[in-house]
Amino acid sequence: PGLSYTWIFNNNTLHVQEDSRRFVSQETGNLYIAKVEPSDVGNYTCVVTNSEAGQSVRGPPTPLTLRSDGVMGEYEPKIEVRFPETTYAAKGSSVKLECFALGK
């Protein structure tokens, strides 16, 4: 609790925006990009913020490159689901569950 994850692109202060192609899991901090485009090539850095402590930590940059051979590597098509065994919510409140597809 109290942790949030953001990603920075090419060491710019502009954060990677979530849209129809990009998603940042607030459960794991992972960045997912659907249909990688040439404009996505570059270095991505994860920033973890602890709102309770008022501190942020920046990880090392991770490069993203495009493969020209069409090989998917470790990301075979699958549905990624990380639901907790039990989810509690107050009546009338909203709950966000993450479920998304990986693959080609």
N, C-alpha and C. Protein backbone atom coordinates (compact mmCIF):
# COMPACT_ATOMS: atom_id res chain seq x y z
N PRO A 1 0.82 -1.20 0.00
CA PRO A 1 0.00 0.00 0.00
C PRO A 1 0.86 1.26 0.00
N GLY A 2 0.40 2.27 -0.71
CA GLY A 2 1.14 3.51 -0.76
C GLY A 2 2.15 3.57 -1.89
N LEU A 3 2.36 2.47 -2.64
CA LEU A 3 3.31 2.47 -3.75
C LEU A 3 2.59 2.76 -5.06
N SER A 4 3.23 3.53 -5.93
CA SER A 4 2.72 3.73 -7.28
C SER A 4 3.90 3.63 -8.24
N TYR A 5 3.59 3.23 -9.48
CA TYR A 5 4.62 2.99 -10.49
C TYR A 5 4.37 3.87 -11.70
N THR A 6 5.44 4.51 -12.18
CA THR A 6 5.38 5.25 -13.43
C THR A 6 6.61 4.90 -14.24
N TRP A 7 6.54 5.16 -15.54
CA TRP A 7 7.67 4.88 -16.43
C TRP A 7 8.06 6.15 -17.17
N ILE A 8 9.36 6.35 -17.30
CA ILE A 8 9.90 7.51 -18.01
C ILE A 8 10.57 7.00 -19.28
N PHE A 9 10.36 7.73 -20.38
CA PHE A 9 10.88 7.34 -21.70
C PHE A 9 12.07 8.20 -22.08
N ASN A 10 13.19 7.55 -22.40
CA ASN A 10 14.42 8.23 -22.84
C ASN A 10 14.89 9.31 -21.87
N ASN A 11 14.78 9.03 -20.57
CA ASN A 11 15.24 9.94 -19.52
C ASN A 11 14.59 11.31 -19.55
N ASN A 12 13.48 11.44 -20.28
CA ASN A 12 12.74 12.69 -20.28
C ASN A 12 11.83 12.71 -19.07
N THR A 13 11.47 13.87 -18.64
CA THR A 13 10.57 13.97 -17.51
C THR A 13 9.13 13.66 -17.90
N LEU A 14 8.89 13.51 -19.19
CA LEU A 14 7.54 13.14 -19.64
C LEU A 14 7.31 11.68 -19.31
N HIS A 15 6.26 11.40 -18.58
CA HIS A 15 5.94 10.03 -18.23
C HIS A 15 5.28 9.32 -19.40
N VAL A 16 5.49 8.01 -19.50
CA VAL A 16 4.81 7.20 -20.49
C VAL A 16 3.32 7.25 -20.16
N GLN A 17 2.51 7.66 -21.11
CA GLN A 17 1.07 7.78 -20.88
C GLN A 17 0.37 6.47 -21.20
N GLU A 18 -0.55 6.08 -20.32
CA GLU A 18 -1.39 4.92 -20.61
C GLU A 18 -2.38 5.32 -21.68
N ASP A 19 -2.53 4.46 -22.68
CA ASP A 19 -3.50 4.69 -23.74
C ASP A 19 -3.96 3.34 -24.25
N SER A 20 -4.46 3.27 -25.48
CA SER A 20 -4.96 1.99 -26.00
C SER A 20 -3.84 0.99 -26.27
N ARG A 21 -2.57 1.43 -26.27
CA ARG A 21 -1.44 0.53 -26.51
C ARG A 21 -0.58 0.29 -25.28
N ARG A 22 -0.63 1.17 -24.29
CA ARG A 22 0.26 1.06 -23.13
C ARG A 22 -0.53 0.92 -21.84
N PHE A 23 0.02 0.09 -20.95
CA PHE A 23 -0.65 -0.15 -19.67
C PHE A 23 0.41 -0.35 -18.61
N VAL A 24 0.29 0.31 -17.47
CA VAL A 24 1.19 0.13 -16.33
C VAL A 24 0.40 -0.57 -15.23
N SER A 25 0.85 -1.77 -14.86
CA SER A 25 0.18 -2.50 -13.79
C SER A 25 0.54 -1.86 -12.46
N GLN A 26 -0.47 -1.44 -11.71
CA GLN A 26 -0.21 -0.87 -10.38
C GLN A 26 -0.05 -1.98 -9.35
N GLU A 27 -0.24 -3.22 -9.77
CA GLU A 27 -0.01 -4.38 -8.89
C GLU A 27 1.47 -4.77 -8.92
N THR A 28 2.06 -4.83 -10.13
CA THR A 28 3.44 -5.29 -10.28
C THR A 28 4.42 -4.20 -10.71
N GLY A 29 3.90 -3.11 -11.28
CA GLY A 29 4.76 -2.07 -11.82
C GLY A 29 5.18 -2.32 -13.24
N ASN A 30 4.82 -3.47 -13.81
CA ASN A 30 5.21 -3.81 -15.18
C ASN A 30 4.57 -2.87 -16.19
N LEU A 31 5.33 -2.56 -17.25
CA LEU A 31 4.83 -1.78 -18.36
C LEU A 31 4.56 -2.75 -19.50
N TYR A 32 3.36 -2.68 -20.06
CA TYR A 32 2.98 -3.53 -21.19
C TYR A 32 2.68 -2.63 -22.37
N ILE A 33 3.23 -2.99 -23.54
CA ILE A 33 2.99 -2.24 -24.76
C ILE A 33 2.44 -3.21 -25.80
N ALA A 34 1.24 -2.93 -26.29
CA ALA A 34 0.64 -3.74 -27.34
C ALA A 34 1.03 -3.13 -28.68
N LYS A 35 1.40 -3.97 -29.62
CA LYS A 35 1.76 -3.54 -30.97
C LYS A 35 2.85 -2.48 -30.93
N VAL A 36 4.06 -2.91 -30.63
CA VAL A 36 5.21 -2.00 -30.54
C VAL A 36 5.44 -1.34 -31.90
N GLU A 37 5.66 -0.03 -31.87
CA GLU A 37 5.90 0.76 -33.07
C GLU A 37 7.31 1.35 -33.02
N PRO A 38 7.86 1.76 -34.18
CA PRO A 38 9.21 2.35 -34.17
C PRO A 38 9.37 3.50 -33.20
N SER A 39 8.33 4.27 -32.96
CA SER A 39 8.44 5.40 -32.03
C SER A 39 8.59 4.94 -30.58
N ASP A 40 8.36 3.64 -30.29
CA ASP A 40 8.51 3.11 -28.94
C ASP A 40 9.95 2.73 -28.61
N VAL A 41 10.82 2.70 -29.61
CA VAL A 41 12.21 2.31 -29.40
C VAL A 41 12.92 3.36 -28.54
N GLY A 42 13.63 2.89 -27.52
CA GLY A 42 14.35 3.80 -26.64
C GLY A 42 14.56 3.18 -25.27
N ASN A 43 14.87 3.99 -24.30
CA ASN A 43 15.13 3.52 -22.94
C ASN A 43 13.95 3.86 -22.02
N TYR A 44 13.54 2.87 -21.23
CA TYR A 44 12.44 3.03 -20.29
C TYR A 44 12.98 2.86 -18.88
N THR A 45 12.58 3.77 -17.99
CA THR A 45 13.02 3.74 -16.60
C THR A 45 11.79 3.74 -15.70
N CYS A 46 11.76 2.78 -14.77
CA CYS A 46 10.65 2.69 -13.82
C CYS A 46 10.94 3.57 -12.61
N VAL A 47 9.92 4.30 -12.17
CA VAL A 47 10.01 5.11 -10.96
C VAL A 47 8.96 4.61 -9.99
N VAL A 48 9.41 4.18 -8.81
CA VAL A 48 8.51 3.71 -7.75
C VAL A 48 8.40 4.81 -6.71
N THR A 49 7.16 5.19 -6.40
CA THR A 49 6.93 6.25 -5.43
C THR A 49 6.17 5.70 -4.23
N ASN A 50 6.68 6.02 -3.04
CA ASN A 50 6.00 5.69 -1.80
C ASN A 50 5.35 6.97 -1.30
N SER A 51 4.04 7.07 -1.47
CA SER A 51 3.35 8.32 -1.11
C SER A 51 3.36 8.57 0.39
N GLU A 52 3.38 7.51 1.19
CA GLU A 52 3.39 7.68 2.64
C GLU A 52 4.71 8.25 3.13
N ALA A 53 5.82 7.80 2.51
CA ALA A 53 7.15 8.29 2.91
C ALA A 53 7.55 9.53 2.12
N GLY A 54 6.82 9.83 1.04
CA GLY A 54 7.15 10.99 0.22
C GLY A 54 8.46 10.83 -0.52
N GLN A 55 8.78 9.57 -0.92
CA GLN A 55 10.05 9.32 -1.61
C GLN A 55 9.81 8.54 -2.89
N SER A 56 10.71 8.76 -3.86
CA SER A 56 10.70 8.04 -5.13
C SER A 56 12.06 7.44 -5.39
N VAL A 57 12.06 6.27 -6.03
CA VAL A 57 13.30 5.60 -6.42
C VAL A 57 13.21 5.31 -7.91
N ARG A 58 14.28 5.64 -8.62
CA ARG A 58 14.35 5.43 -10.07
C ARG A 58 15.23 4.22 -10.35
N GLY A 59 14.73 3.28 -11.14
CA GLY A 59 15.49 2.09 -11.51
C GLY A 59 16.43 2.38 -12.67
N PRO A 60 17.18 1.35 -13.09
CA PRO A 60 18.08 1.54 -14.23
C PRO A 60 17.27 1.56 -15.53
N PRO A 61 17.78 2.23 -16.58
CA PRO A 61 17.06 2.25 -17.85
C PRO A 61 17.08 0.86 -18.50
N THR A 62 15.97 0.53 -19.14
CA THR A 62 15.83 -0.73 -19.87
C THR A 62 15.59 -0.40 -21.34
N PRO A 63 16.48 -0.86 -22.24
CA PRO A 63 16.31 -0.52 -23.65
C PRO A 63 15.24 -1.38 -24.32
N LEU A 64 14.48 -0.78 -25.22
CA LEU A 64 13.53 -1.50 -26.06
C LEU A 64 13.98 -1.34 -27.50
N THR A 65 14.19 -2.46 -28.19
CA THR A 65 14.57 -2.44 -29.60
C THR A 65 13.57 -3.28 -30.38
N LEU A 66 13.45 -3.00 -31.67
CA LEU A 66 12.58 -3.78 -32.54
C LEU A 66 13.36 -4.90 -33.18
N ARG A 67 12.76 -6.08 -33.21
CA ARG A 67 13.38 -7.21 -33.91
C ARG A 67 12.85 -7.23 -35.33
N SER A 68 13.72 -7.51 -36.26
CA SER A 68 13.30 -7.55 -37.66
C SER A 68 13.02 -8.97 -38.13
N ASP A 69 13.32 -9.99 -37.26
CA ASP A 69 13.14 -11.38 -37.68
C ASP A 69 11.75 -11.94 -37.37
N GLY A 70 10.90 -11.16 -36.71
CA GLY A 70 9.53 -11.60 -36.43
C GLY A 70 9.41 -12.60 -35.30
N VAL A 71 10.51 -12.91 -34.58
CA VAL A 71 10.48 -13.87 -33.48
C VAL A 71 9.89 -13.20 -32.25
N MET A 72 8.93 -13.88 -31.60
CA MET A 72 8.28 -13.30 -30.43
C MET A 72 9.10 -13.47 -29.15
N GLY A 73 9.99 -14.44 -29.10
CA GLY A 73 10.75 -14.66 -27.89
C GLY A 73 9.90 -15.25 -26.79
N GLU A 74 10.02 -14.72 -25.57
CA GLU A 74 9.34 -15.32 -24.42
C GLU A 74 7.88 -14.93 -24.30
N TYR A 75 7.36 -14.05 -25.14
CA TYR A 75 6.01 -13.55 -24.97
C TYR A 75 5.03 -14.22 -25.92
N GLU A 76 4.80 -15.51 -25.68
CA GLU A 76 3.82 -16.23 -26.48
C GLU A 76 2.41 -15.76 -26.12
N PRO A 77 1.44 -15.93 -27.05
CA PRO A 77 0.08 -15.48 -26.74
C PRO A 77 -0.48 -16.17 -25.50
N LYS A 78 -1.01 -15.39 -24.56
CA LYS A 78 -1.65 -15.92 -23.37
C LYS A 78 -2.45 -14.82 -22.70
N ILE A 79 -3.36 -15.21 -21.84
CA ILE A 79 -4.13 -14.26 -21.05
C ILE A 79 -3.45 -14.17 -19.69
N GLU A 80 -3.14 -12.96 -19.28
CA GLU A 80 -2.45 -12.71 -18.01
C GLU A 80 -3.48 -12.27 -16.99
N VAL A 81 -3.66 -13.06 -15.94
CA VAL A 81 -4.64 -12.74 -14.90
C VAL A 81 -3.95 -12.84 -13.55
N ARG A 82 -4.08 -11.80 -12.76
CA ARG A 82 -3.51 -11.82 -11.41
C ARG A 82 -4.56 -11.35 -10.42
N PHE A 83 -5.63 -12.10 -10.29
CA PHE A 83 -6.67 -11.73 -9.34
C PHE A 83 -6.30 -12.28 -7.97
N PRO A 84 -6.50 -11.51 -6.93
CA PRO A 84 -6.28 -12.05 -5.58
C PRO A 84 -7.35 -13.09 -5.27
N GLU A 85 -7.03 -14.00 -4.34
CA GLU A 85 -7.99 -15.05 -3.98
C GLU A 85 -9.29 -14.43 -3.48
N THR A 86 -9.18 -13.36 -2.69
CA THR A 86 -10.36 -12.69 -2.15
C THR A 86 -10.17 -11.19 -2.31
N THR A 87 -11.20 -10.52 -2.78
CA THR A 87 -11.16 -9.07 -2.91
C THR A 87 -12.28 -8.48 -2.06
N TYR A 88 -11.93 -7.58 -1.16
CA TYR A 88 -12.91 -6.94 -0.30
C TYR A 88 -13.16 -5.52 -0.79
N ALA A 89 -14.40 -5.10 -0.75
CA ALA A 89 -14.74 -3.74 -1.13
C ALA A 89 -15.96 -3.29 -0.34
N ALA A 90 -15.99 -2.01 -0.03
CA ALA A 90 -17.15 -1.46 0.67
C ALA A 90 -18.30 -1.34 -0.32
N LYS A 91 -19.49 -1.53 0.17
CA LYS A 91 -20.68 -1.43 -0.66
C LYS A 91 -20.73 -0.06 -1.34
N GLY A 92 -20.95 -0.08 -2.64
CA GLY A 92 -21.03 1.16 -3.41
C GLY A 92 -19.69 1.67 -3.92
N SER A 93 -18.59 0.99 -3.56
CA SER A 93 -17.27 1.43 -4.04
C SER A 93 -16.92 0.68 -5.32
N SER A 94 -15.84 1.08 -5.97
CA SER A 94 -15.38 0.44 -7.20
C SER A 94 -14.14 -0.39 -6.93
N VAL A 95 -14.00 -1.48 -7.68
CA VAL A 95 -12.83 -2.35 -7.60
C VAL A 95 -12.26 -2.49 -9.00
N LYS A 96 -10.93 -2.37 -9.14
CA LYS A 96 -10.28 -2.53 -10.44
C LYS A 96 -9.50 -3.84 -10.42
N LEU A 97 -9.82 -4.74 -11.35
CA LEU A 97 -9.12 -6.00 -11.51
C LEU A 97 -8.37 -5.96 -12.83
N GLU A 98 -7.10 -6.39 -12.82
CA GLU A 98 -6.29 -6.33 -14.04
C GLU A 98 -6.33 -7.66 -14.78
N CYS A 99 -6.69 -7.62 -16.05
CA CYS A 99 -6.70 -8.80 -16.90
C CYS A 99 -6.39 -8.31 -18.31
N PHE A 100 -5.38 -8.87 -18.95
CA PHE A 100 -5.04 -8.42 -20.29
C PHE A 100 -4.35 -9.54 -21.05
N ALA A 101 -4.29 -9.40 -22.37
CA ALA A 101 -3.73 -10.44 -23.24
C ALA A 101 -2.31 -10.06 -23.64
N LEU A 102 -1.45 -11.06 -23.68
CA LEU A 102 -0.08 -10.90 -24.18
C LEU A 102 0.03 -11.70 -25.48
N GLY A 103 0.91 -11.28 -26.34
CA GLY A 103 1.17 -12.09 -27.53
C GLY A 103 1.12 -11.29 -28.80
N LYS A 104 1.18 -12.06 -29.88
CA LYS A 104 1.29 -11.50 -31.22
C LYS A 104 -0.05 -11.13 -31.78
